[in-house]
Amino acid sequence: MPNIGHGIFVNSVAFSPDGKYIASGGGNDVIKLWDVETGTCVNTFEYDKNNFNGSTPFSPDGRYMILVTKDEKIEFFDTYLEEKIFTFEEEISGLNSFAVNYATSAYMTSAGVIGTILICKPQKAIAQLISFNDGEWILITSKGYYTCSKNGEKHISFIINNKPYPAEIFRPILYRENLNILNSDLE
């Protein structure tokens, strides 16, 4: 088998939405972009040494490749500009996978350690879905709008001037029973 430029291993591959390219990530700290028709490498993107967590999906429009790092960051590489354009450093412990919803153009990251799913777009968090050990959950947008399970509010508070306030105080303003996280007014 020929060496495709990743050293000893390849641990991630993904097709672009149009099927023209494959992104591969491996043991030499690079992501390679391959032309499916010709089999040639058309671009190479470098990332921090030994920091690849094994995920390289594309954005729905194929413009971005997404890398989940071992230090729990999300990096976006622009395939048109041929460079890393943004590192998303949302504080989520245990970030371990990444998926793309091509129907809604949303990106979802999963953090299995604390039961959190971060929903984002390039350079912008949209919402977090947080589950708790007692079975309760909260879905909260980056602007503070939220919906939750029957008793989910007991797990959240809002900090104003370093003082915590229970969510119930803000319920008339911020609670949305049928929260649509893809509604741009709530982002």
C-alpha atoms as a PDB file:
ATOM      1  CA  MET A   1       0.000   0.000   0.000  1.00  0.00           C
ATOM      2  CA  PRO A   2       1.440   3.408  -0.916  1.00  0.00           C
ATOM      3  CA  ASN A   3       2.299   5.967   1.739  1.00  0.00           C
ATOM      4  CA  ILE A   4      -0.099   8.884   1.292  1.00  0.00           C
ATOM      5  CA  GLY A   5       1.953  11.392   3.238  1.00  0.00           C
ATOM      6  CA  HIS A   6       0.784  10.901   6.811  1.00  0.00           C
ATOM      7  CA  GLY A   7       3.693   8.935   8.180  1.00  0.00           C
ATOM      8  CA  ILE A   8       2.634   5.810  10.019  1.00  0.00           C
ATOM      9  CA  PHE A   9      -1.140   6.221  10.291  1.00  0.00           C
ATOM     10  CA  VAL A  10      -4.300   7.969   9.074  1.00  0.00           C
ATOM     11  CA  ASN A  11      -6.994   8.248  11.723  1.00  0.00           C
ATOM     12  CA  SER A  12      -9.627  10.414  10.039  1.00  0.00           C
ATOM     13  CA  VAL A  13     -11.134  10.790   6.587  1.00  0.00           C
ATOM     14  CA  ALA A  14     -14.138  12.773   5.357  1.00  0.00           C
ATOM     15  CA  PHE A  15     -15.709  13.497   1.977  1.00  0.00           C
ATOM     16  CA  SER A  16     -16.571  17.066   0.999  1.00  0.00           C
ATOM     17  CA  PRO A  17     -20.340  17.597   0.530  1.00  0.00           C
ATOM     18  CA  ASP A  18     -19.945  17.692  -3.271  1.00  0.00           C
ATOM     19  CA  GLY A  19     -17.895  14.470  -3.230  1.00  0.00           C
ATOM     20  CA  LYS A  20     -14.956  16.054  -5.062  1.00  0.00           C
ATOM     21  CA  TYR A  21     -12.495  16.015  -2.164  1.00  0.00           C
ATOM     22  CA  ILE A  22     -11.405  13.869   0.747  1.00  0.00           C
ATOM     23  CA  ALA A  23      -9.794  15.331   3.861  1.00  0.00           C
ATOM     24  CA  SER A  24      -7.438  13.029   5.744  1.00  0.00           C
ATOM     25  CA  GLY A  25      -5.762  13.547   9.094  1.00  0.00           C
ATOM     26  CA  GLY A  26      -2.957  11.499  10.503  1.00  0.00           C
ATOM     27  CA  GLY A  27       0.234  11.015  12.402  1.00  0.00           C
ATOM     28  CA  ASN A  28       2.322  13.810  10.939  1.00  0.00           C
ATOM     29  CA  ASP A  29       0.343  16.814  12.234  1.00  0.00           C
ATOM     30  CA  VAL A  30      -1.277  17.729   8.921  1.00  0.00           C
ATOM     31  CA  ILE A  31      -4.654  17.497   7.253  1.00  0.00           C
ATOM     32  CA  LYS A  32      -4.424  16.732   3.561  1.00  0.00           C
ATOM     33  CA  LEU A  33      -7.048  17.653   0.989  1.00  0.00           C
ATOM     34  CA  TRP A  34      -7.246  15.149  -1.882  1.00  0.00           C
ATOM     35  CA  ASP A  35      -8.880  15.429  -5.294  1.00  0.00           C
ATOM     36  CA  VAL A  36     -11.037  12.287  -5.562  1.00  0.00           C
ATOM     37  CA  GLU A  37     -10.951  12.160  -9.369  1.00  0.00           C
ATOM     38  CA  THR A  38      -7.176  12.457  -9.786  1.00  0.00           C
ATOM     39  CA  GLY A  39      -6.002  11.080  -6.440  1.00  0.00           C
ATOM     40  CA  THR A  40      -3.620  14.003  -5.983  1.00  0.00           C
ATOM     41  CA  CYS A  41      -3.068  16.035  -2.841  1.00  0.00           C
ATOM     42  CA  VAL A  42      -4.278  19.575  -3.598  1.00  0.00           C
ATOM     43  CA  ASN A  43      -3.515  21.146  -0.227  1.00  0.00           C
ATOM     44  CA  THR A  44      -1.942  20.489   3.156  1.00  0.00           C
ATOM     45  CA  PHE A  45      -2.974  22.214   6.388  1.00  0.00           C
ATOM     46  CA  GLU A  46      -0.685  22.071   9.419  1.00  0.00           C
ATOM     47  CA  TYR A  47      -1.925  21.987  13.003  1.00  0.00           C
ATOM     48  CA  ASP A  48      -0.233  22.006  16.390  1.00  0.00           C
ATOM     49  CA  LYS A  49       2.054  19.046  16.955  1.00  0.00           C
ATOM     50  CA  ASN A  50       0.404  15.958  18.469  1.00  0.00           C
ATOM     51  CA  ASN A  51      -2.882  17.810  18.915  1.00  0.00           C
ATOM     52  CA  PHE A  52      -5.196  15.962  16.498  1.00  0.00           C
ATOM     53  CA  ASN A  53      -8.242  14.269  18.022  1.00  0.00           C
ATOM     54  CA  GLY A  54      -9.365  12.375  14.936  1.00  0.00           C
ATOM     55  CA  SER A  55     -12.125  14.404  13.280  1.00  0.00           C
ATOM     56  CA  THR A  56     -12.019  16.341   9.975  1.00  0.00           C
ATOM     57  CA  PRO A  57     -15.552  16.937   8.676  1.00  0.00           C
ATOM     58  CA  PHE A  58     -16.414  19.639   6.140  1.00  0.00           C
ATOM     59  CA  SER A  59     -18.903  22.465   6.554  1.00  0.00           C
ATOM     60  CA  PRO A  60     -22.169  22.036   4.582  1.00  0.00           C
ATOM     61  CA  ASP A  61     -20.943  24.331   1.799  1.00  0.00           C
ATOM     62  CA  GLY A  62     -17.548  22.573   1.655  1.00  0.00           C
ATOM     63  CA  ARG A  63     -15.663  25.771   2.405  1.00  0.00           C
ATOM     64  CA  TYR A  64     -14.385  24.790   5.847  1.00  0.00           C
ATOM     65  CA  MET A  65     -12.681  21.732   7.245  1.00  0.00           C
ATOM     66  CA  ILE A  66     -13.114  21.316  10.971  1.00  0.00           C
ATOM     67  CA  LEU A  67     -10.515  19.884  13.336  1.00  0.00           C
ATOM     68  CA  VAL A  68     -11.192  18.842  16.931  1.00  0.00           C
ATOM     69  CA  THR A  69      -7.979  19.077  18.934  1.00  0.00           C
ATOM     70  CA  LYS A  70      -6.772  17.085  21.927  1.00  0.00           C
ATOM     71  CA  ASP A  71      -6.745  20.266  24.002  1.00  0.00           C
ATOM     72  CA  GLU A  72     -10.509  20.589  23.397  1.00  0.00           C
ATOM     73  CA  LYS A  73     -10.560  23.340  20.783  1.00  0.00           C
ATOM     74  CA  ILE A  74     -12.203  23.454  17.378  1.00  0.00           C
ATOM     75  CA  GLU A  75     -10.171  24.792  14.468  1.00  0.00           C
ATOM     76  CA  PHE A  76     -11.690  25.923  11.172  1.00  0.00           C
ATOM     77  CA  PHE A  77      -9.579  25.735   8.013  1.00  0.00           C
ATOM     78  CA  ASP A  78     -10.748  27.698   4.964  1.00  0.00           C
ATOM     79  CA  THR A  79     -10.316  25.505   1.886  1.00  0.00           C
ATOM     80  CA  TYR A  80     -10.592  28.554  -0.420  1.00  0.00           C
ATOM     81  CA  LEU A  81      -8.087  30.762   1.402  1.00  0.00           C
ATOM     82  CA  GLU A  82      -5.993  27.664   2.175  1.00  0.00           C
ATOM     83  CA  GLU A  83      -5.331  28.578   5.810  1.00  0.00           C
ATOM     84  CA  LYS A  84      -6.548  28.165   9.364  1.00  0.00           C
ATOM     85  CA  ILE A  85      -8.968  31.021   9.925  1.00  0.00           C
ATOM     86  CA  PHE A  86     -10.293  30.531  13.425  1.00  0.00           C
ATOM     87  CA  THR A  87      -9.851  28.577  16.621  1.00  0.00           C
ATOM     88  CA  PHE A  88     -13.041  28.183  18.623  1.00  0.00           C
ATOM     89  CA  GLU A  89     -12.052  27.957  22.275  1.00  0.00           C
ATOM     90  CA  GLU A  90     -15.392  27.392  24.015  1.00  0.00           C
ATOM     91  CA  GLU A  91     -14.782  25.946  27.468  1.00  0.00           C
ATOM     92  CA  ILE A  92     -16.065  22.392  27.194  1.00  0.00           C
ATOM     93  CA  SER A  93     -14.293  19.691  29.114  1.00  0.00           C
ATOM     94  CA  GLY A  94     -13.894  16.361  27.366  1.00  0.00           C
ATOM     95  CA  LEU A  95     -14.559  17.498  23.792  1.00  0.00           C
ATOM     96  CA  ASN A  96     -14.351  14.245  21.893  1.00  0.00           C
ATOM     97  CA  SER A  97     -16.240  14.310  18.611  1.00  0.00           C
ATOM     98  CA  PHE A  98     -17.658  16.532  15.925  1.00  0.00           C
ATOM     99  CA  ALA A  99     -20.513  16.126  13.466  1.00  0.00           C
ATOM    100  CA  VAL A 100     -22.049  18.307  10.785  1.00  0.00           C
ATOM    101  CA  ASN A 101     -25.774  18.639  10.123  1.00  0.00           C
ATOM    102  CA  TYR A 102     -25.854  19.326   6.383  1.00  0.00           C
ATOM    103  CA  ALA A 103     -29.625  19.972   6.388  1.00  0.00           C
ATOM    104  CA  THR A 104     -29.449  22.933   8.781  1.00  0.00           C
ATOM    105  CA  SER A 105     -25.860  24.148   8.320  1.00  0.00           C
ATOM    106  CA  ALA A 106     -25.243  23.732  12.047  1.00  0.00           C
ATOM    107  CA  TYR A 107     -22.216  22.064  13.539  1.00  0.00           C
ATOM    108  CA  MET A 108     -22.426  19.965  16.668  1.00  0.00           C
ATOM    109  CA  THR A 109     -19.661  19.065  19.032  1.00  0.00           C
ATOM    110  CA  SER A 110     -20.015  16.542  21.776  1.00  0.00           C
ATOM    111  CA  ALA A 111     -18.316  16.533  25.139  1.00  0.00           C
ATOM    112  CA  GLY A 112     -18.991  13.169  26.705  1.00  0.00           C
ATOM    113  CA  VAL A 113     -17.290  13.895  30.024  1.00  0.00           C
ATOM    114  CA  ILE A 114     -19.877  16.376  31.287  1.00  0.00           C
ATOM    115  CA  GLY A 115     -22.850  15.584  29.056  1.00  0.00           C
ATOM    116  CA  THR A 116     -22.734  18.768  26.990  1.00  0.00           C
ATOM    117  CA  ILE A 117     -23.400  19.270  23.308  1.00  0.00           C
ATOM    118  CA  LEU A 118     -22.239  22.597  21.872  1.00  0.00           C
ATOM    119  CA  ILE A 119     -24.051  23.723  18.726  1.00  0.00           C
ATOM    120  CA  CYS A 120     -22.049  26.220  16.702  1.00  0.00           C
ATOM    121  CA  LYS A 121     -21.284  27.745  13.334  1.00  0.00           C
ATOM    122  CA  PRO A 122     -17.840  28.946  12.262  1.00  0.00           C
ATOM    123  CA  GLN A 123     -16.700  31.555  14.779  1.00  0.00           C
ATOM    124  CA  LYS A 124     -19.984  31.508  16.732  1.00  0.00           C
ATOM    125  CA  ALA A 125     -21.583  29.405  19.447  1.00  0.00           C
ATOM    126  CA  ILE A 126     -25.334  29.102  18.980  1.00  0.00           C
ATOM    127  CA  ALA A 127     -26.422  27.006  21.950  1.00  0.00           C
ATOM    128  CA  GLN A 128     -25.487  24.362  24.495  1.00  0.00           C
ATOM    129  CA  LEU A 129     -27.538  21.324  25.399  1.00  0.00           C
ATOM    130  CA  ILE A 130     -26.566  20.178  28.876  1.00  0.00           C
ATOM    131  CA  SER A 131     -27.747  16.978  30.521  1.00  0.00           C
ATOM    132  CA  PHE A 132     -27.488  16.212  34.234  1.00  0.00           C
ATOM    133  CA  ASN A 133     -27.177  12.994  36.227  1.00  0.00           C
ATOM    134  CA  ASP A 134     -30.740  13.344  37.562  1.00  0.00           C
ATOM    135  CA  GLY A 135     -32.164  13.192  34.014  1.00  0.00           C
ATOM    136  CA  GLU A 136     -32.886  16.908  33.762  1.00  0.00           C
ATOM    137  CA  TRP A 137     -31.593  18.997  30.850  1.00  0.00           C
ATOM    138  CA  ILE A 138     -31.260  22.582  29.610  1.00  0.00           C
ATOM    139  CA  LEU A 139     -30.912  24.011  26.106  1.00  0.00           C
ATOM    140  CA  ILE A 140     -29.523  27.562  26.313  1.00  0.00           C
ATOM    141  CA  THR A 141     -28.535  29.946  23.526  1.00  0.00           C
ATOM    142  CA  SER A 142     -25.515  32.243  23.506  1.00  0.00           C
ATOM    143  CA  LYS A 143     -27.879  35.148  24.295  1.00  0.00           C
ATOM    144  CA  GLY A 144     -29.347  33.410  27.337  1.00  0.00           C
ATOM    145  CA  TYR A 145     -32.680  32.213  25.913  1.00  0.00           C
ATOM    146  CA  TYR A 146     -33.447  28.752  27.176  1.00  0.00           C
ATOM    147  CA  THR A 147     -35.830  25.837  27.395  1.00  0.00           C
ATOM    148  CA  CYS A 148     -35.494  22.945  29.794  1.00  0.00           C
ATOM    149  CA  SER A 149     -36.960  19.774  31.235  1.00  0.00           C
ATOM    150  CA  LYS A 150     -39.556  20.028  34.024  1.00  0.00           C
ATOM    151  CA  ASN A 151     -36.981  20.687  36.766  1.00  0.00           C
ATOM    152  CA  GLY A 152     -33.994  21.710  34.647  1.00  0.00           C
ATOM    153  CA  GLU A 153     -34.006  25.311  35.865  1.00  0.00           C
ATOM    154  CA  LYS A 154     -32.709  24.220  39.258  1.00  0.00           C
ATOM    155  CA  HIS A 155     -29.332  23.610  37.618  1.00  0.00           C
ATOM    156  CA  ILE A 156     -28.792  27.097  36.184  1.00  0.00           C
ATOM    157  CA  SER A 157     -28.309  30.607  37.456  1.00  0.00           C
ATOM    158  CA  PHE A 158     -27.414  33.873  35.793  1.00  0.00           C
ATOM    159  CA  ILE A 159     -24.408  35.841  37.054  1.00  0.00           C
ATOM    160  CA  ILE A 160     -24.808  39.619  37.191  1.00  0.00           C
ATOM    161  CA  ASN A 161     -22.038  41.699  38.767  1.00  0.00           C
ATOM    162  CA  ASN A 162     -20.521  38.501  40.178  1.00  0.00           C
ATOM    163  CA  LYS A 163     -23.772  37.614  41.979  1.00  0.00           C
ATOM    164  CA  PRO A 164     -25.764  34.487  40.994  1.00  0.00           C
ATOM    165  CA  TYR A 165     -29.509  34.759  40.422  1.00  0.00           C
ATOM    166  CA  PRO A 166     -31.813  31.745  39.944  1.00  0.00           C
ATOM    167  CA  ALA A 167     -33.162  31.209  36.442  1.00  0.00           C
ATOM    168  CA  GLU A 168     -36.761  31.467  37.669  1.00  0.00           C
ATOM    169  CA  ILE A 169     -36.322  35.239  38.076  1.00  0.00           C
ATOM    170  CA  PHE A 170     -35.620  35.621  34.345  1.00  0.00           C
ATOM    171  CA  ARG A 171     -38.148  33.029  33.146  1.00  0.00           C
ATOM    172  CA  PRO A 172     -40.690  35.606  31.838  1.00  0.00           C
ATOM    173  CA  ILE A 173     -37.983  37.208  29.668  1.00  0.00           C
ATOM    174  CA  LEU A 174     -35.676  34.362  28.609  1.00  0.00           C
ATOM    175  CA  TYR A 175     -37.656  31.098  28.726  1.00  0.00           C
ATOM    176  CA  ARG A 176     -38.924  29.859  25.354  1.00  0.00           C
ATOM    177  CA  GLU A 177     -41.086  26.732  25.459  1.00  0.00           C
ATOM    178  CA  ASN A 178     -40.549  26.029  21.762  1.00  0.00           C
ATOM    179  CA  LEU A 179     -37.013  27.313  21.379  1.00  0.00           C
ATOM    180  CA  ASN A 180     -35.739  27.160  17.776  1.00  0.00           C
ATOM    181  CA  ILE A 181     -31.969  27.418  18.067  1.00  0.00           C
ATOM    182  CA  LEU A 182     -31.525  28.026  14.343  1.00  0.00           C
ATOM    183  CA  ASN A 183     -33.612  31.202  14.527  1.00  0.00           C
ATOM    184  CA  SER A 184     -31.066  33.986  14.004  1.00  0.00           C
ATOM    185  CA  ASP A 185     -32.929  36.289  16.426  1.00  0.00           C
ATOM    186  CA  LEU A 186     -31.927  34.021  19.298  1.00  0.00           C
ATOM    187  CA  GLU A 187     -28.239  33.589  18.396  1.00  0.00           C
END
